[in-house]
Each structure stands twice: as C-alpha cells, then as structure tokens.
Amino acid sequence: MQQKLRTYEIIPNKNMCFPIGNVLAVNQLYEILDIASVFGKHKKNGIDINNLLKALVS
C-alpha cells in the first residue's frame, strides 16, 4: 500500500474526461428527439448551442 506521494508537487493539467457511453447515448437521443430544431432557433451567432447542451447533458 502506498504511504507517500511520489511527487512533492501535484500540477493540475487541462485534460478532460467524458464517459463515451453517455456521449453516444446523448447524441443518439438528440437526433431521435430532434432537439436541435428546438434550441437551434434561439441562438444564431457564436458557439452552437446544441454542442453546448450535448456536453452539459453528457
């Protein structure tokens, strides 16, 4: 059993992890329910709101 840390200083990085099963399920249901047409009309400029919603739900 490990008793000490192997490094004296832990440096955080910018890696992000998502479970792939949740992402695939959200993408599939997003297309089946046609949610893109519901939210797509509310935002025209900038980052697509549908991608933001998919990431949030995943």
N, C-alpha and C. Protein backbone atom coordinates (compact mmCIF):
# COMPACT_ATOMS: atom_id res chain seq x y z
N MET A 1 0.84 -1.18 0.00
CA MET A 1 0.00 0.00 0.00
C MET A 1 0.89 1.24 0.00
N GLN A 2 0.53 2.20 -0.82
CA GLN A 2 1.34 3.41 -0.96
C GLN A 2 1.14 4.31 0.26
N GLN A 3 2.24 4.73 0.86
CA GLN A 3 2.18 5.55 2.06
C GLN A 3 2.51 7.02 1.78
N LYS A 4 3.32 7.27 0.74
CA LYS A 4 3.72 8.64 0.42
C LYS A 4 3.39 8.96 -1.03
N LEU A 5 3.25 10.24 -1.31
CA LEU A 5 3.10 10.66 -2.69
C LEU A 5 4.43 10.50 -3.41
N ARG A 6 4.38 10.17 -4.69
CA ARG A 6 5.62 10.00 -5.44
C ARG A 6 6.21 11.34 -5.86
N THR A 7 5.42 12.37 -5.89
CA THR A 7 5.92 13.70 -6.21
C THR A 7 5.63 14.63 -5.04
N TYR A 8 6.42 15.66 -4.95
CA TYR A 8 6.22 16.63 -3.87
C TYR A 8 5.21 17.69 -4.26
N GLU A 9 5.02 17.87 -5.55
CA GLU A 9 4.11 18.92 -6.01
C GLU A 9 3.22 18.35 -7.10
N ILE A 10 1.93 18.41 -6.89
CA ILE A 10 0.97 17.93 -7.88
C ILE A 10 0.56 19.10 -8.76
N ILE A 11 0.74 18.95 -10.07
CA ILE A 11 0.44 20.02 -11.02
C ILE A 11 -0.80 19.61 -11.81
N PRO A 12 -1.90 20.36 -11.71
CA PRO A 12 -3.10 20.02 -12.48
C PRO A 12 -2.89 20.31 -13.96
N ASN A 13 -3.54 19.53 -14.81
CA ASN A 13 -3.48 19.78 -16.25
C ASN A 13 -4.88 20.04 -16.78
N LYS A 14 -4.98 20.30 -18.07
CA LYS A 14 -6.26 20.69 -18.65
C LYS A 14 -6.98 19.52 -19.33
N ASN A 15 -6.60 18.30 -19.02
CA ASN A 15 -7.26 17.14 -19.62
C ASN A 15 -8.67 17.00 -19.06
N MET A 16 -9.62 16.70 -19.94
CA MET A 16 -11.00 16.49 -19.54
C MET A 16 -11.42 15.10 -19.97
N CYS A 17 -12.17 14.41 -19.15
CA CYS A 17 -12.60 13.05 -19.47
C CYS A 17 -14.13 12.99 -19.47
N PHE A 18 -14.66 12.29 -20.46
CA PHE A 18 -16.10 12.05 -20.54
C PHE A 18 -16.31 10.56 -20.78
N PRO A 19 -17.28 9.97 -20.11
CA PRO A 19 -17.60 8.57 -20.42
C PRO A 19 -18.19 8.50 -21.83
N ILE A 20 -17.63 7.66 -22.68
CA ILE A 20 -18.03 7.61 -24.08
C ILE A 20 -19.45 7.07 -24.24
N GLY A 21 -19.91 6.20 -23.35
CA GLY A 21 -21.27 5.66 -23.45
C GLY A 21 -22.31 6.75 -23.28
N ASN A 22 -22.10 7.65 -22.33
CA ASN A 22 -23.04 8.75 -22.12
C ASN A 22 -23.07 9.69 -23.31
N VAL A 23 -21.91 9.96 -23.89
CA VAL A 23 -21.83 10.87 -25.03
C VAL A 23 -22.57 10.27 -26.23
N LEU A 24 -22.36 8.99 -26.49
CA LEU A 24 -23.04 8.34 -27.62
C LEU A 24 -24.55 8.28 -27.40
N ALA A 25 -24.98 8.01 -26.19
CA ALA A 25 -26.41 7.96 -25.90
C ALA A 25 -27.06 9.32 -26.06
N VAL A 26 -26.39 10.37 -25.59
CA VAL A 26 -26.94 11.72 -25.73
C VAL A 26 -27.02 12.11 -27.20
N ASN A 27 -25.98 11.80 -27.99
CA ASN A 27 -26.01 12.13 -29.42
C ASN A 27 -27.14 11.41 -30.13
N GLN A 28 -27.34 10.15 -29.80
CA GLN A 28 -28.40 9.37 -30.45
C GLN A 28 -29.79 9.90 -30.08
N LEU A 29 -30.03 10.17 -28.82
CA LEU A 29 -31.32 10.69 -28.39
C LEU A 29 -31.56 12.11 -28.89
N TYR A 30 -30.48 12.87 -29.02
CA TYR A 30 -30.59 14.24 -29.52
C TYR A 30 -31.12 14.23 -30.95
N GLU A 31 -30.64 13.25 -31.75
CA GLU A 31 -31.12 13.13 -33.13
C GLU A 31 -32.52 12.55 -33.20
N ILE A 32 -32.81 11.55 -32.39
CA ILE A 32 -34.13 10.91 -32.42
C ILE A 32 -35.22 11.90 -32.02
N LEU A 33 -34.99 12.67 -30.97
CA LEU A 33 -35.99 13.61 -30.47
C LEU A 33 -35.98 14.94 -31.22
N ASP A 34 -35.00 15.14 -32.10
CA ASP A 34 -34.86 16.35 -32.92
C ASP A 34 -34.82 17.60 -32.03
N ILE A 35 -34.00 17.56 -31.03
CA ILE A 35 -33.87 18.67 -30.10
C ILE A 35 -33.13 19.85 -30.74
N ALA A 36 -32.31 19.56 -31.75
CA ALA A 36 -31.55 20.61 -32.42
C ALA A 36 -32.47 21.67 -33.03
N SER A 37 -33.62 21.25 -33.54
CA SER A 37 -34.55 22.23 -34.12
C SER A 37 -35.23 23.07 -33.05
N VAL A 38 -35.34 22.54 -31.85
CA VAL A 38 -35.99 23.28 -30.76
C VAL A 38 -35.08 24.39 -30.24
N PHE A 39 -33.81 24.04 -29.95
CA PHE A 39 -32.89 25.01 -29.35
C PHE A 39 -32.10 25.79 -30.38
N GLY A 40 -31.97 25.27 -31.60
CA GLY A 40 -31.16 25.93 -32.61
C GLY A 40 -31.68 27.29 -33.03
N LYS A 41 -32.98 27.50 -32.95
CA LYS A 41 -33.55 28.78 -33.38
C LYS A 41 -33.35 29.89 -32.35
N HIS A 42 -32.92 29.56 -31.13
CA HIS A 42 -32.78 30.57 -30.09
C HIS A 42 -31.42 31.26 -30.08
N LYS A 43 -30.44 30.65 -30.74
CA LYS A 43 -29.11 31.26 -30.77
C LYS A 43 -28.54 31.13 -32.17
N LYS A 44 -28.16 32.26 -32.76
CA LYS A 44 -27.68 32.25 -34.14
C LYS A 44 -26.18 32.45 -34.24
N ASN A 45 -25.57 33.30 -33.41
CA ASN A 45 -24.16 33.65 -33.53
C ASN A 45 -23.33 32.97 -32.44
N GLY A 46 -22.03 32.84 -32.70
CA GLY A 46 -21.13 32.29 -31.70
C GLY A 46 -21.11 30.77 -31.73
N ILE A 47 -20.80 30.18 -30.59
CA ILE A 47 -20.73 28.73 -30.48
C ILE A 47 -22.14 28.15 -30.57
N ASP A 48 -22.27 27.05 -31.31
CA ASP A 48 -23.57 26.40 -31.47
C ASP A 48 -24.10 25.93 -30.12
N ILE A 49 -25.31 26.32 -29.80
CA ILE A 49 -25.89 25.97 -28.50
C ILE A 49 -26.16 24.47 -28.38
N ASN A 50 -26.37 23.79 -29.51
CA ASN A 50 -26.63 22.36 -29.45
C ASN A 50 -25.40 21.61 -28.95
N ASN A 51 -24.21 22.00 -29.37
CA ASN A 51 -23.00 21.34 -28.87
C ASN A 51 -22.79 21.60 -27.39
N LEU A 52 -23.12 22.82 -26.96
CA LEU A 52 -23.00 23.12 -25.54
C LEU A 52 -23.98 22.30 -24.70
N LEU A 53 -25.19 22.15 -25.19
CA LEU A 53 -26.19 21.36 -24.46
C LEU A 53 -25.83 19.89 -24.41
N LYS A 54 -25.29 19.37 -25.51
CA LYS A 54 -24.86 17.96 -25.52
C LYS A 54 -23.77 17.73 -24.49
N ALA A 55 -22.82 18.63 -24.42
CA ALA A 55 -21.74 18.49 -23.44
C ALA A 55 -22.26 18.60 -22.02
N LEU A 56 -23.21 19.49 -21.79
CA LEU A 56 -23.76 19.68 -20.46
C LEU A 56 -24.54 18.44 -20.01
N VAL A 57 -25.34 17.88 -20.89
CA VAL A 57 -26.15 16.70 -20.54
C VAL A 57 -25.27 15.48 -20.38
N SER A 58 -24.23 15.36 -21.20
CA SER A 58 -23.35 14.20 -21.11
C SER A 58 -22.63 14.17 -19.79
